[in-house]
Amino acid sequence: MAAKGKSKNNIAAADEKKSVFSPTQIKNFVGEVKTEFLKIVWPDKKMTLGLTGVVVVLTVVISIYLGSVDLLLGKIVSSFLR
């Protein structure tokens, strides 16, 4: 009888080791994430501001282009519907 109880504990322990959501697996994952974050080389302030400026300028240019195309196509379609 004691062997049955012992084997159930071993099975439960093996299942806990395999479970991705066990506290030890979560702790290992968080530790690995922290280690990887320390390896990241973040851009400096000048580079960040420069790239942000490029994104803002491209967004404005593309939105003006798409707005003008939409306006032009809207006028063409409305002239055909008259």
PDB file of N, CA and C in Angstrom:
ATOM      1  N   MET A   1       0.816  -1.188   0.000  1.00  0.00           N
ATOM      2  CA  MET A   1       0.000   0.000   0.000  1.00  0.00           C
ATOM      3  C   MET A   1       0.855   1.244   0.000  1.00  0.00           C
ATOM      4  N   ALA A   2       1.966   1.227   0.725  1.00  0.00           N
ATOM      5  CA  ALA A   2       2.820   2.402   0.796  1.00  0.00           C
ATOM      6  C   ALA A   2       3.434   2.683  -0.571  1.00  0.00           C
ATOM      7  N   ALA A   3       3.630   1.636  -1.352  1.00  0.00           N
ATOM      8  CA  ALA A   3       4.229   1.824  -2.674  1.00  0.00           C
ATOM      9  C   ALA A   3       3.284   2.597  -3.588  1.00  0.00           C
ATOM     10  N   LYS A   4       1.974   2.341  -3.451  1.00  0.00           N
ATOM     11  CA  LYS A   4       1.011   3.063  -4.284  1.00  0.00           C
ATOM     12  C   LYS A   4       1.022   4.550  -3.958  1.00  0.00           C
ATOM     13  N   GLY A   5       1.033   4.899  -2.688  1.00  0.00           N
ATOM     14  CA  GLY A   5       1.054   6.304  -2.291  1.00  0.00           C
ATOM     15  C   GLY A   5       2.332   6.990  -2.738  1.00  0.00           C
ATOM     16  N   LYS A   6       3.431   6.255  -2.649  1.00  0.00           N
ATOM     17  CA  LYS A   6       4.715   6.817  -3.050  1.00  0.00           C
ATOM     18  C   LYS A   6       4.752   7.058  -4.556  1.00  0.00           C
ATOM     19  N   SER A   7       4.199   6.136  -5.335  1.00  0.00           N
ATOM     20  CA  SER A   7       4.218   6.303  -6.786  1.00  0.00           C
ATOM     21  C   SER A   7       3.321   7.457  -7.209  1.00  0.00           C
ATOM     22  N   LYS A   8       2.237   7.701  -6.499  1.00  0.00           N
ATOM     23  CA  LYS A   8       1.373   8.844  -6.806  1.00  0.00           C
ATOM     24  C   LYS A   8       2.126  10.141  -6.549  1.00  0.00           C
ATOM     25  N   ASN A   9       2.892  10.197  -5.474  1.00  0.00           N
ATOM     26  CA  ASN A   9       3.681  11.396  -5.192  1.00  0.00           C
ATOM     27  C   ASN A   9       4.737  11.616  -6.270  1.00  0.00           C
ATOM     28  N   ASN A  10       5.352  10.532  -6.720  1.00  0.00           N
ATOM     29  CA  ASN A  10       6.353  10.661  -7.788  1.00  0.00           C
ATOM     30  C   ASN A  10       5.724  11.153  -9.082  1.00  0.00           C
ATOM     31  N   ILE A  11       4.533  10.646  -9.384  1.00  0.00           N
ATOM     32  CA  ILE A  11       3.829  11.078 -10.593  1.00  0.00           C
ATOM     33  C   ILE A  11       3.460  12.554 -10.478  1.00  0.00           C
ATOM     34  N   ALA A  12       2.976  12.954  -9.307  1.00  0.00           N
ATOM     35  CA  ALA A  12       2.613  14.354  -9.095  1.00  0.00           C
ATOM     36  C   ALA A  12       3.845  15.251  -9.210  1.00  0.00           C
ATOM     37  N   ALA A  13       4.959  14.809  -8.669  1.00  0.00           N
ATOM     38  CA  ALA A  13       6.192  15.594  -8.757  1.00  0.00           C
ATOM     39  C   ALA A  13       6.667  15.674 -10.205  1.00  0.00           C
ATOM     40  N   ALA A  14       6.543  14.584 -10.947  1.00  0.00           N
ATOM     41  CA  ALA A  14       6.949  14.592 -12.354  1.00  0.00           C
ATOM     42  C   ALA A  14       6.038  15.503 -13.164  1.00  0.00           C
ATOM     43  N   ASP A  15       4.725  15.495 -12.871  1.00  0.00           N
ATOM     44  CA  ASP A  15       3.793  16.378 -13.566  1.00  0.00           C
ATOM     45  C   ASP A  15       4.104  17.835 -13.267  1.00  0.00           C
ATOM     46  N   GLU A  16       4.488  18.130 -12.014  1.00  0.00           N
ATOM     47  CA  GLU A  16       4.802  19.506 -11.649  1.00  0.00           C
ATOM     48  C   GLU A  16       6.044  19.983 -12.385  1.00  0.00           C
ATOM     49  N   LYS A  17       7.020  19.108 -12.568  1.00  0.00           N
ATOM     50  CA  LYS A  17       8.233  19.484 -13.296  1.00  0.00           C
ATOM     51  C   LYS A  17       7.929  19.739 -14.769  1.00  0.00           C
ATOM     52  N   LYS A  18       6.993  19.004 -15.342  1.00  0.00           N
ATOM     53  CA  LYS A  18       6.645  19.157 -16.740  1.00  0.00           C
ATOM     54  C   LYS A  18       5.737  20.356 -16.983  1.00  0.00           C
ATOM     55  N   SER A  19       5.001  20.792 -16.000  1.00  0.00           N
ATOM     56  CA  SER A  19       4.040  21.878 -16.170  1.00  0.00           C
ATOM     57  C   SER A  19       4.755  23.196 -16.426  1.00  0.00           C
ATOM     58  N   VAL A  20       4.313  23.882 -17.438  1.00  0.00           N
ATOM     59  CA  VAL A  20       4.898  25.168 -17.790  1.00  0.00           C
ATOM     60  C   VAL A  20       4.515  26.232 -16.767  1.00  0.00           C
ATOM     61  N   PHE A  21       3.393  26.048 -16.103  1.00  0.00           N
ATOM     62  CA  PHE A  21       2.880  27.052 -15.184  1.00  0.00           C
ATOM     63  C   PHE A  21       3.258  26.793 -13.731  1.00  0.00           C
ATOM     64  N   SER A  22       4.187  25.910 -13.489  1.00  0.00           N
ATOM     65  CA  SER A  22       4.622  25.669 -12.124  1.00  0.00           C
ATOM     66  C   SER A  22       5.464  26.861 -11.661  1.00  0.00           C
ATOM     67  N   PRO A  23       5.457  27.144 -10.370  1.00  0.00           N
ATOM     68  CA  PRO A  23       6.212  28.302  -9.873  1.00  0.00           C
ATOM     69  C   PRO A  23       7.704  28.257 -10.206  1.00  0.00           C
ATOM     70  N   THR A  24       8.292  27.079 -10.211  1.00  0.00           N
ATOM     71  CA  THR A  24       9.722  27.008 -10.526  1.00  0.00           C
ATOM     72  C   THR A  24       9.978  27.331 -11.994  1.00  0.00           C
ATOM     73  N   GLN A  25       9.106  26.865 -12.869  1.00  0.00           N
ATOM     74  CA  GLN A  25       9.262  27.167 -14.296  1.00  0.00           C
ATOM     75  C   GLN A  25       9.053  28.657 -14.555  1.00  0.00           C
ATOM     76  N   ILE A  26       8.092  29.254 -13.868  1.00  0.00           N
ATOM     77  CA  ILE A  26       7.842  30.690 -14.031  1.00  0.00           C
ATOM     78  C   ILE A  26       9.038  31.484 -13.524  1.00  0.00           C
ATOM     79  N   LYS A  27       9.598  31.072 -12.395  1.00  0.00           N
ATOM     80  CA  LYS A  27      10.767  31.756 -11.835  1.00  0.00           C
ATOM     81  C   LYS A  27      11.954  31.642 -12.791  1.00  0.00           C
ATOM     82  N   ASN A  28      12.158  30.469 -13.363  1.00  0.00           N
ATOM     83  CA  ASN A  28      13.238  30.292 -14.338  1.00  0.00           C
ATOM     84  C   ASN A  28      13.019  31.180 -15.560  1.00  0.00           C
ATOM     85  N   PHE A  29      11.789  31.245 -16.040  1.00  0.00           N
ATOM     86  CA  PHE A  29      11.478  32.064 -17.207  1.00  0.00           C
ATOM     87  C   PHE A  29      11.754  33.538 -16.933  1.00  0.00           C
ATOM     88  N   VAL A  30      11.307  34.033 -15.778  1.00  0.00           N
ATOM     89  CA  VAL A  30      11.533  35.438 -15.435  1.00  0.00           C
ATOM     90  C   VAL A  30      13.030  35.722 -15.312  1.00  0.00           C
ATOM     91  N   GLY A  31      13.766  34.810 -14.736  1.00  0.00           N
ATOM     92  CA  GLY A  31      15.211  34.978 -14.633  1.00  0.00           C
ATOM     93  C   GLY A  31      15.882  35.043 -16.006  1.00  0.00           C
ATOM     94  N   GLU A  32      15.436  34.196 -16.923  1.00  0.00           N
ATOM     95  CA  GLU A  32      15.988  34.215 -18.270  1.00  0.00           C
ATOM     96  C   GLU A  32      15.628  35.509 -18.993  1.00  0.00           C
ATOM     97  N   VAL A  33      14.418  36.009 -18.783  1.00  0.00           N
ATOM     98  CA  VAL A  33      14.007  37.272 -19.404  1.00  0.00           C
ATOM     99  C   VAL A  33      14.882  38.416 -18.890  1.00  0.00           C
ATOM    100  N   LYS A  34      15.133  38.444 -17.583  1.00  0.00           N
ATOM    101  CA  LYS A  34      15.990  39.490 -17.018  1.00  0.00           C
ATOM    102  C   LYS A  34      17.391  39.420 -17.624  1.00  0.00           C
ATOM    103  N   THR A  35      17.912  38.219 -17.783  1.00  0.00           N
ATOM    104  CA  THR A  35      19.247  38.040 -18.364  1.00  0.00           C
ATOM    105  C   THR A  35      19.281  38.557 -19.801  1.00  0.00           C
ATOM    106  N   GLU A  36      18.249  38.254 -20.567  1.00  0.00           N
ATOM    107  CA  GLU A  36      18.211  38.709 -21.963  1.00  0.00           C
ATOM    108  C   GLU A  36      18.050  40.224 -22.041  1.00  0.00           C
ATOM    109  N   PHE A  37      17.283  40.815 -21.130  1.00  0.00           N
ATOM    110  CA  PHE A  37      17.111  42.269 -21.135  1.00  0.00           C
ATOM    111  C   PHE A  37      18.419  42.986 -20.840  1.00  0.00           C
ATOM    112  N   LEU A  38      19.275  42.377 -20.055  1.00  0.00           N
ATOM    113  CA  LEU A  38      20.568  42.995 -19.773  1.00  0.00           C
ATOM    114  C   LEU A  38      21.482  42.994 -20.998  1.00  0.00           C
ATOM    115  N   LYS A  39      21.212  42.125 -21.973  1.00  0.00           N
ATOM    116  CA  LYS A  39      22.020  42.048 -23.186  1.00  0.00           C
ATOM    117  C   LYS A  39      21.598  43.078 -24.235  1.00  0.00           C
ATOM    118  N   ILE A  40      20.438  43.710 -24.072  1.00  0.00           N
ATOM    119  CA  ILE A  40      19.928  44.646 -25.067  1.00  0.00           C
ATOM    120  C   ILE A  40      20.762  45.912 -25.068  1.00  0.00           C
ATOM    121  N   VAL A  41      21.098  46.376 -26.259  1.00  0.00           N
ATOM    122  CA  VAL A  41      21.795  47.653 -26.409  1.00  0.00           C
ATOM    123  C   VAL A  41      20.755  48.666 -26.869  1.00  0.00           C
ATOM    124  N   TRP A  42      20.336  49.541 -25.961  1.00  0.00           N
ATOM    125  CA  TRP A  42      19.304  50.521 -26.263  1.00  0.00           C
ATOM    126  C   TRP A  42      19.918  51.709 -26.992  1.00  0.00           C
ATOM    127  N   PRO A  43      19.183  52.304 -27.948  1.00  0.00           N
ATOM    128  CA  PRO A  43      19.720  53.474 -28.654  1.00  0.00           C
ATOM    129  C   PRO A  43      19.779  54.686 -27.726  1.00  0.00           C
ATOM    130  N   ASP A  44      20.708  55.596 -28.047  1.00  0.00           N
ATOM    131  CA  ASP A  44      20.821  56.796 -27.222  1.00  0.00           C
ATOM    132  C   ASP A  44      19.703  57.778 -27.580  1.00  0.00           C
ATOM    133  N   LYS A  45      19.634  58.877 -26.842  1.00  0.00           N
ATOM    134  CA  LYS A  45      18.539  59.834 -26.984  1.00  0.00           C
ATOM    135  C   LYS A  45      18.529  60.468 -28.377  1.00  0.00           C
ATOM    136  N   LYS A  46      19.697  60.783 -28.910  1.00  0.00           N
ATOM    137  CA  LYS A  46      19.788  61.420 -30.216  1.00  0.00           C
ATOM    138  C   LYS A  46      19.227  60.502 -31.307  1.00  0.00           C
ATOM    139  N   MET A  47      19.595  59.236 -31.271  1.00  0.00           N
ATOM    140  CA  MET A  47      19.111  58.277 -32.260  1.00  0.00           C
ATOM    141  C   MET A  47      17.596  58.089 -32.138  1.00  0.00           C
ATOM    142  N   THR A  48      17.111  58.023 -30.915  1.00  0.00           N
ATOM    143  CA  THR A  48      15.678  57.843 -30.695  1.00  0.00           C
ATOM    144  C   THR A  48      14.895  59.023 -31.240  1.00  0.00           C
ATOM    145  N   LEU A  49      15.353  60.236 -30.960  1.00  0.00           N
ATOM    146  CA  LEU A  49      14.660  61.427 -31.458  1.00  0.00           C
ATOM    147  C   LEU A  49      14.725  61.495 -32.984  1.00  0.00           C
ATOM    148  N   GLY A  50      15.852  61.137 -33.566  1.00  0.00           N
ATOM    149  CA  GLY A  50      15.982  61.144 -35.020  1.00  0.00           C
ATOM    150  C   GLY A  50      15.031  60.168 -35.689  1.00  0.00           C
ATOM    151  N   LEU A  51      14.980  58.955 -35.172  1.00  0.00           N
ATOM    152  CA  LEU A  51      14.082  57.949 -35.747  1.00  0.00           C
ATOM    153  C   LEU A  51      12.614  58.311 -35.530  1.00  0.00           C
ATOM    154  N   THR A  52      12.304  58.924 -34.392  1.00  0.00           N
ATOM    155  CA  THR A  52      10.933  59.373 -34.133  1.00  0.00           C
ATOM    156  C   THR A  52      10.544  60.456 -35.128  1.00  0.00           C
ATOM    157  N   GLY A  53      11.477  61.361 -35.419  1.00  0.00           N
ATOM    158  CA  GLY A  53      11.212  62.404 -36.408  1.00  0.00           C
ATOM    159  C   GLY A  53      10.947  61.830 -37.781  1.00  0.00           C
ATOM    160  N   VAL A  54      11.729  60.830 -38.178  1.00  0.00           N
ATOM    161  CA  VAL A  54      11.521  60.182 -39.473  1.00  0.00           C
ATOM    162  C   VAL A  54      10.134  59.551 -39.536  1.00  0.00           C
ATOM    163  N   VAL A  55       9.734  58.888 -38.476  1.00  0.00           N
ATOM    164  CA  VAL A  55       8.418  58.243 -38.450  1.00  0.00           C
ATOM    165  C   VAL A  55       7.307  59.283 -38.548  1.00  0.00           C
ATOM    166  N   VAL A  56       7.433  60.394 -37.818  1.00  0.00           N
ATOM    167  CA  VAL A  56       6.400  61.434 -37.846  1.00  0.00           C
ATOM    168  C   VAL A  56       6.311  62.061 -39.241  1.00  0.00           C
ATOM    169  N   VAL A  57       7.457  62.373 -39.850  1.00  0.00           N
ATOM    170  CA  VAL A  57       7.450  62.984 -41.186  1.00  0.00           C
ATOM    171  C   VAL A  57       6.841  62.033 -42.215  1.00  0.00           C
ATOM    172  N   LEU A  58       7.244  60.764 -42.189  1.00  0.00           N
ATOM    173  CA  LEU A  58       6.673  59.800 -43.130  1.00  0.00           C
ATOM    174  C   LEU A  58       5.173  59.618 -42.925  1.00  0.00           C
ATOM    175  N   THR A  59       4.731  59.647 -41.689  1.00  0.00           N
ATOM    176  CA  THR A  59       3.307  59.512 -41.399  1.00  0.00           C
ATOM    177  C   THR A  59       2.531  60.684 -41.988  1.00  0.00           C
ATOM    178  N   VAL A  60       3.058  61.896 -41.835  1.00  0.00           N
ATOM    179  CA  VAL A  60       2.383  63.080 -42.380  1.00  0.00           C
ATOM    180  C   VAL A  60       2.363  63.028 -43.906  1.00  0.00           C
ATOM    181  N   VAL A  61       3.489  62.680 -44.526  1.00  0.00           N
ATOM    182  CA  VAL A  61       3.559  62.625 -45.989  1.00  0.00           C
ATOM    183  C   VAL A  61       2.597  61.578 -46.540  1.00  0.00           C
ATOM    184  N   ILE A  62       2.596  60.402 -45.955  1.00  0.00           N
ATOM    185  CA  ILE A  62       1.712  59.335 -46.445  1.00  0.00           C
ATOM    186  C   ILE A  62       0.251  59.684 -46.215  1.00  0.00           C
ATOM    187  N   SER A  63      -0.069  60.323 -45.085  1.00  0.00           N
ATOM    188  CA  SER A  63      -1.462  60.683 -44.834  1.00  0.00           C
ATOM    189  C   SER A  63      -1.936  61.775 -45.796  1.00  0.00           C
ATOM    190  N   ILE A  64      -1.059  62.721 -46.139  1.00  0.00           N
ATOM    191  CA  ILE A  64      -1.427  63.741 -47.135  1.00  0.00           C
ATOM    192  C   ILE A  64      -1.654  63.088 -48.494  1.00  0.00           C
ATOM    193  N   TYR A  65      -0.769  62.169 -48.882  1.00  0.00           N
ATOM    194  CA  TYR A  65      -0.920  61.469 -50.150  1.00  0.00           C
ATOM    195  C   TYR A  65      -2.233  60.682 -50.193  1.00  0.00           C
ATOM    196  N   LEU A  66      -2.481  59.880 -49.172  1.00  0.00           N
ATOM    197  CA  LEU A  66      -3.705  59.070 -49.164  1.00  0.00           C
ATOM    198  C   LEU A  66      -4.955  59.945 -49.096  1.00  0.00           C
ATOM    199  N   GLY A  67      -4.877  61.050 -48.361  1.00  0.00           N
ATOM    200  CA  GLY A  67      -6.018  61.970 -48.303  1.00  0.00           C
ATOM    201  C   GLY A  67      -6.309  62.590 -49.651  1.00  0.00           C
ATOM    202  N   SER A  68      -5.269  62.979 -50.379  1.00  0.00           N
ATOM    203  CA  SER A  68      -5.484  63.578 -51.700  1.00  0.00           C
ATOM    204  C   SER A  68      -6.013  62.547 -52.700  1.00  0.00           C
ATOM    205  N   VAL A  69      -5.502  61.324 -52.655  1.00  0.00           N
ATOM    206  CA  VAL A  69      -6.015  60.269 -53.527  1.00  0.00           C
ATOM    207  C   VAL A  69      -7.483  59.989 -53.204  1.00  0.00           C
ATOM    208  N   ASP A  70      -7.829  59.951 -51.938  1.00  0.00           N
ATOM    209  CA  ASP A  70      -9.215  59.719 -51.534  1.00  0.00           C
ATOM    210  C   ASP A  70     -10.114  60.850 -52.022  1.00  0.00           C
ATOM    211  N   LEU A  71      -9.645  62.076 -51.883  1.00  0.00           N
ATOM    212  CA  LEU A  71     -10.433  63.227 -52.335  1.00  0.00           C
ATOM    213  C   LEU A  71     -10.628  63.173 -53.849  1.00  0.00           C
ATOM    214  N   LEU A  72      -9.565  62.889 -54.579  1.00  0.00           N
ATOM    215  CA  LEU A  72      -9.635  62.810 -56.038  1.00  0.00           C
ATOM    216  C   LEU A  72     -10.580  61.703 -56.481  1.00  0.00           C
ATOM    217  N   LEU A  73     -10.426  60.508 -55.916  1.00  0.00           N
ATOM    218  CA  LEU A  73     -11.307  59.393 -56.295  1.00  0.00           C
ATOM    219  C   LEU A  73     -12.757  59.660 -55.899  1.00  0.00           C
ATOM    220  N   GLY A  74     -12.960  60.325 -54.774  1.00  0.00           N
ATOM    221  CA  GLY A  74     -14.322  60.679 -54.360  1.00  0.00           C
ATOM    222  C   GLY A  74     -14.979  61.625 -55.344  1.00  0.00           C
ATOM    223  N   LYS A  75     -14.233  62.602 -55.830  1.00  0.00           N
ATOM    224  CA  LYS A  75     -14.774  63.540 -56.824  1.00  0.00           C
ATOM    225  C   LYS A  75     -15.054  62.833 -58.146  1.00  0.00           C
ATOM    226  N   ILE A  76     -14.166  61.924 -58.551  1.00  0.00           N
ATOM    227  CA  ILE A  76     -14.382  61.187 -59.801  1.00  0.00           C
ATOM    228  C   ILE A  76     -15.633  60.326 -59.698  1.00  0.00           C
ATOM    229  N   VAL A  77     -15.791  59.607 -58.610  1.00  0.00           N
ATOM    230  CA  VAL A  77     -16.961  58.742 -58.437  1.00  0.00           C
ATOM    231  C   VAL A  77     -18.235  59.581 -58.351  1.00  0.00           C
ATOM    232  N   SER A  78     -18.198  60.706 -57.659  1.00  0.00           N
ATOM    233  CA  SER A  78     -19.409  61.533 -57.555  1.00  0.00           C
ATOM    234  C   SER A  78     -19.769  62.144 -58.901  1.00  0.00           C
ATOM    235  N   SER A  79     -18.766  62.435 -59.746  1.00  0.00           N
ATOM    236  CA  SER A  79     -19.087  62.982 -61.085  1.00  0.00           C
ATOM    237  C   SER A  79     -19.732  61.911 -61.957  1.00  0.00           C
ATOM    238  N   PHE A  80     -19.336  60.640 -61.789  1.00  0.00           N
ATOM    239  CA  PHE A  80     -19.971  59.574 -62.560  1.00  0.00           C
ATOM    240  C   PHE A  80     -21.394  59.310 -62.074  1.00  0.00           C
ATOM    241  N   LEU A  81     -21.663  59.520 -60.808  1.00  0.00           N
ATOM    242  CA  LEU A  81     -22.991  59.225 -60.272  1.00  0.00           C
ATOM    243  C   LEU A  81     -23.999  60.327 -60.572  1.00  0.00           C
ATOM    244  N   ARG A  82     -23.573  61.483 -61.024  1.00  0.00           N
ATOM    245  CA  ARG A  82     -24.516  62.579 -61.344  1.00  0.00           C
ATOM    246  C   ARG A  82     -25.201  62.369 -62.633  1.00  0.00           C
TER     247      ARG A  82
END
